[in-house]
PDB file of N, CA and C in Angstrom:
ATOM      1  N   MET A   1       0.947  -1.309   0.064  1.00  0.00           N
ATOM      2  CA  MET A   1       0.088  -0.064   0.057  1.00  0.00           C
ATOM      3  C   MET A   1       1.002   1.369   0.012  1.00  0.00           C
ATOM      4  N   PHE A   2       0.375   2.252  -0.869  1.00  0.00           N
ATOM      5  CA  PHE A   2       1.470   3.608  -0.752  1.00  0.00           C
ATOM      6  C   PHE A   2       1.202   4.215   0.159  1.00  0.00           C
ATOM      7  N   PRO A   3       1.886   5.452   0.746  1.00  0.00           N
ATOM      8  CA  PRO A   3       1.779   6.060   1.756  1.00  0.00           C
ATOM      9  C   PRO A   3       0.338   6.901   1.376  1.00  0.00           C
ATOM     10  N   CYS A   4       0.056   7.506   0.098  1.00  0.00           N
ATOM     11  CA  CYS A   4      -0.950   8.304  -0.197  1.00  0.00           C
ATOM     12  C   CYS A   4      -2.199   7.284   0.405  1.00  0.00           C
ATOM     13  N   GLN A   5      -2.585   6.127  -0.084  1.00  0.00           N
ATOM     14  CA  GLN A   5      -3.188   5.540   0.241  1.00  0.00           C
ATOM     15  C   GLN A   5      -3.942   5.339   1.746  1.00  0.00           C
ATOM     16  N   LEU A   6      -2.741   5.209   2.488  1.00  0.00           N
ATOM     17  CA  LEU A   6      -2.703   5.040   4.186  1.00  0.00           C
ATOM     18  C   LEU A   6      -3.651   6.236   4.276  1.00  0.00           C
ATOM     19  N   TRP A   7      -3.376   7.395   3.608  1.00  0.00           N
ATOM     20  CA  TRP A   7      -3.752   8.855   4.421  1.00  0.00           C
ATOM     21  C   TRP A   7      -5.425   8.593   3.670  1.00  0.00           C
ATOM     22  N   SER A   8      -5.885   8.219   2.879  1.00  0.00           N
ATOM     23  CA  SER A   8      -7.153   8.061   2.382  1.00  0.00           C
ATOM     24  C   SER A   8      -8.312   7.573   3.212  1.00  0.00           C
ATOM     25  N   ASN A   9      -7.858   6.750   4.310  1.00  0.00           N
ATOM     26  CA  ASN A   9      -8.425   5.792   5.144  1.00  0.00           C
ATOM     27  C   ASN A   9      -8.197   6.631   6.296  1.00  0.00           C
ATOM     28  N   VAL A  10      -7.820   7.794   6.737  1.00  0.00           N
ATOM     29  CA  VAL A  10      -7.621   8.562   7.898  1.00  0.00           C
ATOM     30  C   VAL A  10      -8.836   9.955   7.792  1.00  0.00           C
ATOM     31  N   GLU A  11      -9.694   9.697   8.836  1.00  0.00           N
ATOM     32  CA  GLU A  11     -10.600  11.027   8.934  1.00  0.00           C
ATOM     33  C   GLU A  11      -9.625  12.033   9.437  1.00  0.00           C
ATOM     34  N   MET A  12      -9.842  13.268   8.941  1.00  0.00           N
ATOM     35  CA  MET A  12      -9.105  14.260   9.150  1.00  0.00           C
ATOM     36  C   MET A  12     -10.064  15.185  10.449  1.00  0.00           C
ATOM     37  N   GLN A  13      -9.462  15.473  11.706  1.00  0.00           N
ATOM     38  CA  GLN A  13     -10.176  16.196  12.665  1.00  0.00           C
ATOM     39  C   GLN A  13     -10.586  17.526  12.353  1.00  0.00           C
ATOM     40  N   SER A  14     -11.704  17.609  12.738  1.00  0.00           N
ATOM     41  CA  SER A  14     -11.895  19.607  12.474  1.00  0.00           C
ATOM     42  C   SER A  14     -11.419  20.230  13.471  1.00  0.00           C
ATOM     43  N   THR A  15     -11.746  21.308  13.046  1.00  0.00           N
ATOM     44  CA  THR A  15     -10.730  22.398  13.976  1.00  0.00           C
ATOM     45  C   THR A  15     -11.136  22.535  15.775  1.00  0.00           C
ATOM     46  N   ALA A  16     -12.336  22.039  16.003  1.00  0.00           N
ATOM     47  CA  ALA A  16     -13.190  21.820  17.455  1.00  0.00           C
ATOM     48  C   ALA A  16     -12.720  20.566  17.456  1.00  0.00           C
ATOM     49  N   ASP A  17     -12.572  19.789  17.194  1.00  0.00           N
ATOM     50  CA  ASP A  17     -11.894  18.427  17.554  1.00  0.00           C
ATOM     51  C   ASP A  17     -10.251  18.661  18.076  1.00  0.00           C
ATOM     52  N   SER A  18      -9.642  19.180  16.926  1.00  0.00           N
ATOM     53  CA  SER A  18      -8.497  19.503  17.442  1.00  0.00           C
ATOM     54  C   SER A  18      -8.011  20.347  18.499  1.00  0.00           C
ATOM     55  N   TYR A  19      -9.084  21.380  18.394  1.00  0.00           N
ATOM     56  CA  TYR A  19      -8.918  22.198  19.869  1.00  0.00           C
ATOM     57  C   TYR A  19      -9.045  21.495  20.931  1.00  0.00           C
ATOM     58  N   ASP A  20     -10.084  20.831  21.175  1.00  0.00           N
ATOM     59  CA  ASP A  20     -10.491  19.842  22.506  1.00  0.00           C
ATOM     60  C   ASP A  20      -9.203  19.214  22.538  1.00  0.00           C
ATOM     61  N   THR A  21      -8.331  18.405  21.796  1.00  0.00           N
ATOM     62  CA  THR A  21      -7.578  17.580  22.116  1.00  0.00           C
ATOM     63  C   THR A  21      -5.960  18.555  22.392  1.00  0.00           C
ATOM     64  N   GLU A  22      -5.699  19.657  21.775  1.00  0.00           N
ATOM     65  CA  GLU A  22      -4.859  20.361  22.245  1.00  0.00           C
ATOM     66  C   GLU A  22      -5.158  20.871  23.767  1.00  0.00           C
ATOM     67  N   LEU A  23      -6.169  21.820  24.156  1.00  0.00           N
ATOM     68  CA  LEU A  23      -6.785  21.894  25.157  1.00  0.00           C
ATOM     69  C   LEU A  23      -6.585  20.498  26.353  1.00  0.00           C
ATOM     70  N   ARG A  24      -7.048  19.770  26.054  1.00  0.00           N
ATOM     71  CA  ARG A  24      -6.640  18.739  27.124  1.00  0.00           C
ATOM     72  C   ARG A  24      -5.366  18.279  27.221  1.00  0.00           C
ATOM     73  N   ARG A  25      -4.764  18.340  26.371  1.00  0.00           N
ATOM     74  CA  ARG A  25      -2.779  17.908  26.048  1.00  0.00           C
ATOM     75  C   ARG A  25      -2.454  18.959  27.046  1.00  0.00           C
ATOM     76  N   VAL A  26      -2.549  20.107  26.974  1.00  0.00           N
ATOM     77  CA  VAL A  26      -2.123  21.238  27.313  1.00  0.00           C
ATOM     78  C   VAL A  26      -2.121  21.122  29.064  1.00  0.00           C
ATOM     79  N   VAL A  27      -3.370  21.376  29.351  1.00  0.00           N
ATOM     80  CA  VAL A  27      -4.001  20.996  30.770  1.00  0.00           C
ATOM     81  C   VAL A  27      -3.596  20.163  31.485  1.00  0.00           C
ATOM     82  N   ASP A  28      -3.399  18.695  30.761  1.00  0.00           N
ATOM     83  CA  ASP A  28      -3.095  17.442  31.351  1.00  0.00           C
ATOM     84  C   ASP A  28      -1.720  17.930  32.055  1.00  0.00           C
ATOM     85  N   ARG A  29      -0.618  18.383  30.591  1.00  0.00           N
ATOM     86  CA  ARG A  29       0.815  18.873  31.003  1.00  0.00           C
ATOM     87  C   ARG A  29       0.577  19.697  32.265  1.00  0.00           C
ATOM     88  N   LEU A  30       0.382  20.648  32.199  1.00  0.00           N
ATOM     89  CA  LEU A  30       0.544  21.399  33.584  1.00  0.00           C
ATOM     90  C   LEU A  30      -0.200  21.004  34.569  1.00  0.00           C
ATOM     91  N   ARG A  31      -1.157  19.912  34.676  1.00  0.00           N
ATOM     92  CA  ARG A  31      -1.402  19.597  35.977  1.00  0.00           C
ATOM     93  C   ARG A  31      -0.373  18.525  36.136  1.00  0.00           C
ATOM     94  N   SER A  32       0.201  17.692  35.791  1.00  0.00           N
ATOM     95  CA  SER A  32       1.071  16.971  35.801  1.00  0.00           C
ATOM     96  C   SER A  32       2.814  16.911  36.403  1.00  0.00           C
ATOM     97  N   LEU A  33       2.982  18.290  35.735  1.00  0.00           N
ATOM     98  CA  LEU A  33       4.292  19.119  36.390  1.00  0.00           C
ATOM     99  C   LEU A  33       4.755  19.274  37.618  1.00  0.00           C
ATOM    100  N   PRO A  34       5.818  18.539  37.909  1.00  0.00           N
ATOM    101  CA  PRO A  34       5.890  19.230  39.247  1.00  0.00           C
ATOM    102  C   PRO A  34       6.170  21.002  39.517  1.00  0.00           C
ATOM    103  N   ILE A  35       5.655  21.006  40.696  1.00  0.00           N
ATOM    104  CA  ILE A  35       5.560  22.676  40.906  1.00  0.00           C
ATOM    105  C   ILE A  35       6.674  23.741  40.438  1.00  0.00           C
ATOM    106  N   ALA A  36       8.286  23.232  41.070  1.00  0.00           N
ATOM    107  CA  ALA A  36       9.619  23.928  39.993  1.00  0.00           C
ATOM    108  C   ALA A  36       9.403  23.991  38.837  1.00  0.00           C
ATOM    109  N   ARG A  37       8.686  23.171  37.945  1.00  0.00           N
ATOM    110  CA  ARG A  37       8.732  22.853  36.371  1.00  0.00           C
ATOM    111  C   ARG A  37       7.507  24.028  36.232  1.00  0.00           C
ATOM    112  N   LEU A  38       6.454  23.935  37.015  1.00  0.00           N
ATOM    113  CA  LEU A  38       5.554  25.079  36.653  1.00  0.00           C
ATOM    114  C   LEU A  38       6.050  26.534  36.865  1.00  0.00           C
ATOM    115  N   GLN A  39       6.480  26.696  37.814  1.00  0.00           N
ATOM    116  CA  GLN A  39       7.087  28.133  38.330  1.00  0.00           C
ATOM    117  C   GLN A  39       8.246  28.392  37.067  1.00  0.00           C
ATOM    118  N   SER A  40       8.915  27.311  36.615  1.00  0.00           N
ATOM    119  CA  SER A  40       9.715  27.892  35.258  1.00  0.00           C
ATOM    120  C   SER A  40       8.979  28.042  34.343  1.00  0.00           C
ATOM    121  N   ALA A  41       7.749  27.801  33.876  1.00  0.00           N
ATOM    122  CA  ALA A  41       6.596  28.065  33.056  1.00  0.00           C
ATOM    123  C   ALA A  41       5.963  28.942  32.972  1.00  0.00           C
ATOM    124  N   GLN A  42       6.013  30.187  33.895  1.00  0.00           N
ATOM    125  CA  GLN A  42       4.973  30.999  34.163  1.00  0.00           C
ATOM    126  C   GLN A  42       5.097  32.111  33.114  1.00  0.00           C
ATOM    127  N   GLY A  43       6.309  32.099  32.227  1.00  0.00           N
ATOM    128  CA  GLY A  43       6.024  33.074  31.517  1.00  0.00           C
ATOM    129  C   GLY A  43       5.330  32.516  30.032  1.00  0.00           C
ATOM    130  N   GLN A  44       5.277  31.378  29.968  1.00  0.00           N
ATOM    131  CA  GLN A  44       4.823  30.491  29.032  1.00  0.00           C
ATOM    132  C   GLN A  44       3.057  30.552  29.328  1.00  0.00           C
ATOM    133  N   VAL A  45       2.949  30.281  30.486  1.00  0.00           N
ATOM    134  CA  VAL A  45       1.307  29.891  30.670  1.00  0.00           C
ATOM    135  C   VAL A  45       0.614  31.425  30.794  1.00  0.00           C
ATOM    136  N   GLU A  46       1.625  32.191  31.156  1.00  0.00           N
ATOM    137  CA  GLU A  46       0.693  33.565  30.985  1.00  0.00           C
ATOM    138  C   GLU A  46       0.462  34.339  29.877  1.00  0.00           C
ATOM    139  N   GLN A  47       1.424  33.955  28.764  1.00  0.00           N
ATOM    140  CA  GLN A  47       1.225  34.051  27.672  1.00  0.00           C
ATOM    141  C   GLN A  47       0.067  33.583  27.014  1.00  0.00           C
ATOM    142  N   LEU A  48      -0.312  32.245  27.160  1.00  0.00           N
ATOM    143  CA  LEU A  48      -1.125  31.415  26.501  1.00  0.00           C
ATOM    144  C   LEU A  48      -2.220  32.009  27.258  1.00  0.00           C
ATOM    145  N   ALA A  49      -2.601  32.201  28.716  1.00  0.00           N
ATOM    146  CA  ALA A  49      -4.139  32.392  29.230  1.00  0.00           C
ATOM    147  C   ALA A  49      -4.005  34.091  28.605  1.00  0.00           C
ATOM    148  N   ALA A  50      -2.906  35.056  28.386  1.00  0.00           N
ATOM    149  CA  ALA A  50      -3.617  36.271  27.725  1.00  0.00           C
ATOM    150  C   ALA A  50      -4.033  35.993  26.251  1.00  0.00           C
ATOM    151  N   GLN A  51      -3.415  34.932  25.436  1.00  0.00           N
ATOM    152  CA  GLN A  51      -4.342  34.797  24.225  1.00  0.00           C
ATOM    153  C   GLN A  51      -5.709  34.428  24.243  1.00  0.00           C
ATOM    154  N   LEU A  52      -5.641  33.384  25.066  1.00  0.00           N
ATOM    155  CA  LEU A  52      -7.111  32.765  25.094  1.00  0.00           C
ATOM    156  C   LEU A  52      -8.130  34.002  25.537  1.00  0.00           C
ATOM    157  N   LEU A  53      -7.657  34.472  26.581  1.00  0.00           N
ATOM    158  CA  LEU A  53      -8.738  35.732  27.033  1.00  0.00           C
ATOM    159  C   LEU A  53      -8.918  36.420  26.095  1.00  0.00           C
ATOM    160  N   GLU A  54      -7.512  36.976  25.260  1.00  0.00           N
ATOM    161  CA  GLU A  54      -8.253  37.714  24.043  1.00  0.00           C
ATOM    162  C   GLU A  54      -8.656  37.243  22.890  1.00  0.00           C
ATOM    163  N   CYS A  55      -8.749  36.240  22.637  1.00  0.00           N
ATOM    164  CA  CYS A  55      -9.746  35.746  21.795  1.00  0.00           C
ATOM    165  C   CYS A  55     -10.823  35.736  22.209  1.00  0.00           C
ATOM    166  N   SER A  56     -11.392  35.301  23.519  1.00  0.00           N
ATOM    167  CA  SER A  56     -12.614  35.393  23.947  1.00  0.00           C
ATOM    168  C   SER A  56     -13.187  36.464  23.893  1.00  0.00           C
ATOM    169  N   ARG A  57     -12.311  37.728  24.595  1.00  0.00           N
ATOM    170  CA  ARG A  57     -13.136  38.929  24.383  1.00  0.00           C
ATOM    171  C   ARG A  57     -13.292  39.638  23.150  1.00  0.00           C
ATOM    172  N   ALA A  58     -12.519  39.172  22.218  1.00  0.00           N
ATOM    173  CA  ALA A  58     -12.898  39.447  20.631  1.00  0.00           C
ATOM    174  C   ALA A  58     -14.228  38.709  20.632  1.00  0.00           C
ATOM    175  N   MET A  59     -14.534  37.626  21.081  1.00  0.00           N
ATOM    176  CA  MET A  59     -15.770  37.019  20.356  1.00  0.00           C
ATOM    177  C   MET A  59     -17.022  37.544  21.423  1.00  0.00           C
ATOM    178  N   GLY A  60     -16.870  38.643  22.092  1.00  0.00           N
ATOM    179  CA  GLY A  60     -17.801  39.193  23.005  1.00  0.00           C
ATOM    180  C   GLY A  60     -17.945  38.759  24.409  1.00  0.00           C
ATOM    181  N   SER A  61     -16.813  37.950  25.116  1.00  0.00           N
ATOM    182  CA  SER A  61     -17.109  37.731  26.301  1.00  0.00           C
ATOM    183  C   SER A  61     -16.735  38.886  27.449  1.00  0.00           C
ATOM    184  N   PRO A  62     -17.545  38.733  28.424  1.00  0.00           N
ATOM    185  CA  PRO A  62     -17.496  39.668  29.030  1.00  0.00           C
ATOM    186  C   PRO A  62     -16.343  39.717  30.340  1.00  0.00           C
ATOM    187  N   ALA A  63     -15.584  38.587  30.180  1.00  0.00           N
ATOM    188  CA  ALA A  63     -14.544  38.474  31.092  1.00  0.00           C
ATOM    189  C   ALA A  63     -13.481  39.810  31.030  1.00  0.00           C
ATOM    190  N   PRO A  64     -12.817  39.939  32.411  1.00  0.00           N
ATOM    191  CA  PRO A  64     -12.088  41.003  32.828  1.00  0.00           C
ATOM    192  C   PRO A  64     -11.027  41.359  31.360  1.00  0.00           C
ATOM    193  N   ALA A  65     -10.245  42.087  31.496  1.00  0.00           N
ATOM    194  CA  ALA A  65      -9.111  42.390  30.459  1.00  0.00           C
ATOM    195  C   ALA A  65      -8.295  42.024  30.516  1.00  0.00           C
ATOM    196  N   THR A  66      -7.708  41.787  31.635  1.00  0.00           N
ATOM    197  CA  THR A  66      -6.389  41.089  32.236  1.00  0.00           C
ATOM    198  C   THR A  66      -6.742  39.606  32.833  1.00  0.00           C
ATOM    199  N   VAL A  67      -5.886  38.602  32.859  1.00  0.00           N
ATOM    200  CA  VAL A  67      -5.653  37.439  33.314  1.00  0.00           C
ATOM    201  C   VAL A  67      -5.355  37.608  35.261  1.00  0.00           C
ATOM    202  N   PRO A  68      -6.243  37.073  36.224  1.00  0.00           N
ATOM    203  CA  PRO A  68      -5.642  37.200  37.704  1.00  0.00           C
ATOM    204  C   PRO A  68      -4.337  36.834  37.744  1.00  0.00           C
ATOM    205  N   GLU A  69      -3.463  36.976  38.497  1.00  0.00           N
ATOM    206  CA  GLU A  69      -2.662  36.139  38.689  1.00  0.00           C
ATOM    207  C   GLU A  69      -2.413  35.225  40.222  1.00  0.00           C
ATOM    208  N   LEU A  70      -2.131  33.816  39.592  1.00  0.00           N
ATOM    209  CA  LEU A  70      -2.417  32.652  40.243  1.00  0.00           C
ATOM    210  C   LEU A  70      -1.235  31.859  40.787  1.00  0.00           C
ATOM    211  N   GLY A  71      -1.232  31.410  41.538  1.00  0.00           N
ATOM    212  CA  GLY A  71      -0.045  30.300  42.219  1.00  0.00           C
ATOM    213  C   GLY A  71       0.028  29.297  40.855  1.00  0.00           C
ATOM    214  N   ALA A  72       1.100  29.015  40.738  1.00  0.00           N
ATOM    215  CA  ALA A  72       1.828  27.881  39.603  1.00  0.00           C
ATOM    216  C   ALA A  72       0.715  26.813  39.832  1.00  0.00           C
ATOM    217  N   TRP A  73       0.261  26.259  40.933  1.00  0.00           N
ATOM    218  CA  TRP A  73      -0.411  24.811  41.119  1.00  0.00           C
ATOM    219  C   TRP A  73      -1.569  25.367  40.597  1.00  0.00           C
ATOM    220  N   ALA A  74      -2.231  26.360  39.977  1.00  0.00           N
ATOM    221  CA  ALA A  74      -3.361  26.572  39.268  1.00  0.00           C
ATOM    222  C   ALA A  74      -3.579  26.717  38.074  1.00  0.00           C
ATOM    223  N   TYR A  75      -2.259  26.719  37.306  1.00  0.00           N
ATOM    224  CA  TYR A  75      -1.918  26.734  35.997  1.00  0.00           C
ATOM    225  C   TYR A  75      -3.229  25.917  35.141  1.00  0.00           C
ATOM    226  N   GLY A  76      -3.256  24.729  35.377  1.00  0.00           N
ATOM    227  CA  GLY A  76      -4.106  23.765  34.734  1.00  0.00           C
ATOM    228  C   GLY A  76      -5.335  24.254  34.486  1.00  0.00           C
ATOM    229  N   ASP A  77      -5.903  24.298  35.577  1.00  0.00           N
ATOM    230  CA  ASP A  77      -7.315  24.926  35.880  1.00  0.00           C
ATOM    231  C   ASP A  77      -7.440  26.338  35.389  1.00  0.00           C
ATOM    232  N   MET A  78      -6.639  27.034  35.424  1.00  0.00           N
ATOM    233  CA  MET A  78      -7.105  28.305  34.665  1.00  0.00           C
ATOM    234  C   MET A  78      -7.260  28.043  33.243  1.00  0.00           C
ATOM    235  N   ILE A  79      -6.091  27.546  32.530  1.00  0.00           N
ATOM    236  CA  ILE A  79      -6.027  27.454  30.939  1.00  0.00           C
ATOM    237  C   ILE A  79      -7.491  26.514  30.670  1.00  0.00           C
ATOM    238  N   MET A  80      -7.750  25.520  31.115  1.00  0.00           N
ATOM    239  CA  MET A  80      -9.092  24.694  31.229  1.00  0.00           C
ATOM    240  C   MET A  80      -9.950  25.848  31.079  1.00  0.00           C
ATOM    241  N   VAL A  81     -10.286  26.706  31.838  1.00  0.00           N
ATOM    242  CA  VAL A  81     -11.455  27.673  31.691  1.00  0.00           C
ATOM    243  C   VAL A  81     -11.453  28.426  31.050  1.00  0.00           C
ATOM    244  N   LEU A  82     -10.142  29.132  30.982  1.00  0.00           N
ATOM    245  CA  LEU A  82      -9.957  29.827  29.628  1.00  0.00           C
ATOM    246  C   LEU A  82     -10.439  29.498  28.132  1.00  0.00           C
ATOM    247  N   GLY A  83      -9.998  28.096  28.482  1.00  0.00           N
ATOM    248  CA  GLY A  83      -9.827  27.502  27.378  1.00  0.00           C
ATOM    249  C   GLY A  83     -11.321  26.726  27.059  1.00  0.00           C
ATOM    250  N   THR A  84     -11.934  26.942  28.094  1.00  0.00           N
ATOM    251  CA  THR A  84     -13.550  26.018  27.799  1.00  0.00           C
ATOM    252  C   THR A  84     -14.048  27.485  27.455  1.00  0.00           C
ATOM    253  N   ASP A  85     -14.137  28.410  28.025  1.00  0.00           N
ATOM    254  CA  ASP A  85     -15.118  29.674  27.689  1.00  0.00           C
ATOM    255  C   ASP A  85     -15.071  29.679  26.283  1.00  0.00           C
ATOM    256  N   LEU A  86     -13.480  30.135  25.340  1.00  0.00           N
ATOM    257  CA  LEU A  86     -13.540  30.295  24.346  1.00  0.00           C
ATOM    258  C   LEU A  86     -14.128  29.543  23.341  1.00  0.00           C
ATOM    259  N   ARG A  87     -14.028  28.089  23.802  1.00  0.00           N
ATOM    260  CA  ARG A  87     -14.740  27.043  22.991  1.00  0.00           C
ATOM    261  C   ARG A  87     -16.393  27.513  23.253  1.00  0.00           C
ATOM    262  N   GLU A  88     -16.630  27.394  23.991  1.00  0.00           N
ATOM    263  CA  GLU A  88     -18.161  27.943  24.339  1.00  0.00           C
ATOM    264  C   GLU A  88     -18.527  29.314  23.586  1.00  0.00           C
ATOM    265  N   LEU A  89     -17.878  30.462  23.015  1.00  0.00           N
ATOM    266  CA  LEU A  89     -18.220  31.227  22.409  1.00  0.00           C
ATOM    267  C   LEU A  89     -18.033  31.076  21.289  1.00  0.00           C
ATOM    268  N   ALA A  90     -17.047  30.287  20.544  1.00  0.00           N
ATOM    269  CA  ALA A  90     -17.031  30.453  19.209  1.00  0.00           C
ATOM    270  C   ALA A  90     -18.214  29.881  18.398  1.00  0.00           C
ATOM    271  N   GLU A  91     -18.499  30.398  17.267  1.00  0.00           N
ATOM    272  CA  GLU A  91     -20.090  30.256  16.863  1.00  0.00           C
ATOM    273  C   GLU A  91     -19.639  29.055  15.531  1.00  0.00           C
ATOM    274  N   ASN A  92     -17.963  28.755  14.979  1.00  0.00           N
ATOM    275  CA  ASN A  92     -17.751  27.992  13.700  1.00  0.00           C
ATOM    276  C   ASN A  92     -16.062  27.401  14.254  1.00  0.00           C
ATOM    277  N   ASP A  93     -15.748  26.472  13.678  1.00  0.00           N
ATOM    278  CA  ASP A  93     -14.351  26.109  13.576  1.00  0.00           C
ATOM    279  C   ASP A  93     -13.517  27.254  13.378  1.00  0.00           C
ATOM    280  N   ASP A  94     -13.809  28.222  12.610  1.00  0.00           N
ATOM    281  CA  ASP A  94     -12.893  29.143  11.920  1.00  0.00           C
ATOM    282  C   ASP A  94     -12.254  30.297  13.236  1.00  0.00           C
ATOM    283  N   ALA A  95     -13.757  30.219  13.699  1.00  0.00           N
ATOM    284  CA  ALA A  95     -13.319  31.175  15.450  1.00  0.00           C
ATOM    285  C   ALA A  95     -12.208  30.469  16.259  1.00  0.00           C
ATOM    286  N   LEU A  96     -12.182  29.209  16.158  1.00  0.00           N
ATOM    287  CA  LEU A  96     -11.273  28.295  17.441  1.00  0.00           C
ATOM    288  C   LEU A  96      -9.693  28.589  16.553  1.00  0.00           C
ATOM    289  N   ALA A  97      -9.354  29.200  15.411  1.00  0.00           N
ATOM    290  CA  ALA A  97      -8.421  28.698  15.010  1.00  0.00           C
ATOM    291  C   ALA A  97      -7.252  29.480  15.571  1.00  0.00           C
ATOM    292  N   PRO A  98      -7.131  30.672  16.274  1.00  0.00           N
ATOM    293  CA  PRO A  98      -6.174  31.483  16.781  1.00  0.00           C
ATOM    294  C   PRO A  98      -5.958  30.715  18.313  1.00  0.00           C
ATOM    295  N   GLY A  99      -7.063  30.232  18.885  1.00  0.00           N
ATOM    296  CA  GLY A  99      -7.000  29.660  20.153  1.00  0.00           C
ATOM    297  C   GLY A  99      -6.005  28.186  20.149  1.00  0.00           C
ATOM    298  N   LEU A 100      -6.297  27.554  18.885  1.00  0.00           N
ATOM    299  CA  LEU A 100      -5.963  26.262  18.720  1.00  0.00           C
ATOM    300  C   LEU A 100      -4.371  26.467  18.262  1.00  0.00           C
ATOM    301  N   ALA A 101      -4.169  27.715  17.698  1.00  0.00           N
ATOM    302  CA  ALA A 101      -2.426  27.697  17.439  1.00  0.00           C
ATOM    303  C   ALA A 101      -2.114  28.393  18.439  1.00  0.00           C
ATOM    304  N   ALA A 102      -2.333  28.774  19.647  1.00  0.00           N
ATOM    305  CA  ALA A 102      -2.181  29.213  20.649  1.00  0.00           C
ATOM    306  C   ALA A 102      -1.718  28.103  21.633  1.00  0.00           C
ATOM    307  N   LEU A 103      -2.408  27.009  21.726  1.00  0.00           N
ATOM    308  CA  LEU A 103      -2.507  25.961  22.760  1.00  0.00           C
ATOM    309  C   LEU A 103      -1.202  24.910  21.785  1.00  0.00           C
ATOM    310  N   THR A 104      -1.241  25.040  20.759  1.00  0.00           N
ATOM    311  CA  THR A 104      -0.370  24.303  20.154  1.00  0.00           C
ATOM    312  C   THR A 104       1.090  24.738  20.713  1.00  0.00           C
ATOM    313  N   SER A 105       1.348  26.103  19.986  1.00  0.00           N
ATOM    314  CA  SER A 105       2.428  26.612  20.361  1.00  0.00           C
ATOM    315  C   SER A 105       3.046  26.404  21.667  1.00  0.00           C
ATOM    316  N   ALA A 106       2.005  26.650  22.496  1.00  0.00           N
ATOM    317  CA  ALA A 106       2.445  26.288  24.194  1.00  0.00           C
ATOM    318  C   ALA A 106       2.827  25.170  24.333  1.00  0.00           C
ATOM    319  N   ARG A 107       1.980  24.233  23.986  1.00  0.00           N
ATOM    320  CA  ARG A 107       2.357  22.768  24.253  1.00  0.00           C
ATOM    321  C   ARG A 107       3.619  22.616  23.871  1.00  0.00           C
ATOM    322  N   ARG A 108       3.910  22.925  22.369  1.00  0.00           N
ATOM    323  CA  ARG A 108       5.608  22.730  22.019  1.00  0.00           C
ATOM    324  C   ARG A 108       6.397  23.109  23.052  1.00  0.00           C
ATOM    325  N   GLN A 109       5.960  24.319  23.688  1.00  0.00           N
ATOM    326  CA  GLN A 109       7.374  25.220  24.215  1.00  0.00           C
ATOM    327  C   GLN A 109       7.249  24.660  25.652  1.00  0.00           C
ATOM    328  N   LEU A 110       6.277  24.045  26.583  1.00  0.00           N
ATOM    329  CA  LEU A 110       6.014  23.652  27.780  1.00  0.00           C
ATOM    330  C   LEU A 110       6.771  22.569  28.338  1.00  0.00           C
ATOM    331  N   PRO A 111       7.928  22.685  29.343  1.00  0.00           N
ATOM    332  CA  PRO A 111       8.830  21.991  30.025  1.00  0.00           C
ATOM    333  C   PRO A 111       8.252  20.463  29.869  1.00  0.00           C
TER     334      PRO A 111
END
């Protein structure tokens, strides 16, 4: 079987499904990291949180303009809340694309 034939049997994930997968991956990673490693990722987590919040606010979220300062132990929960808010506000897959890009980039940069 040729490689191109293998791909014909694989269903492509929608942007929404990919978004959900990336959100779970990032949150699971943040929740499983030791506190010292979480603290070293503070800048990356804050950047991701700000990006998700900005996307939500662009879709009309009444959320505050800034992310509250939380301890490193709460990073996973904060990203889950912000990511879920964005997912619920998105009217279509295209609206999730910036959030998906932010989550994918953050996952690749996390320790």
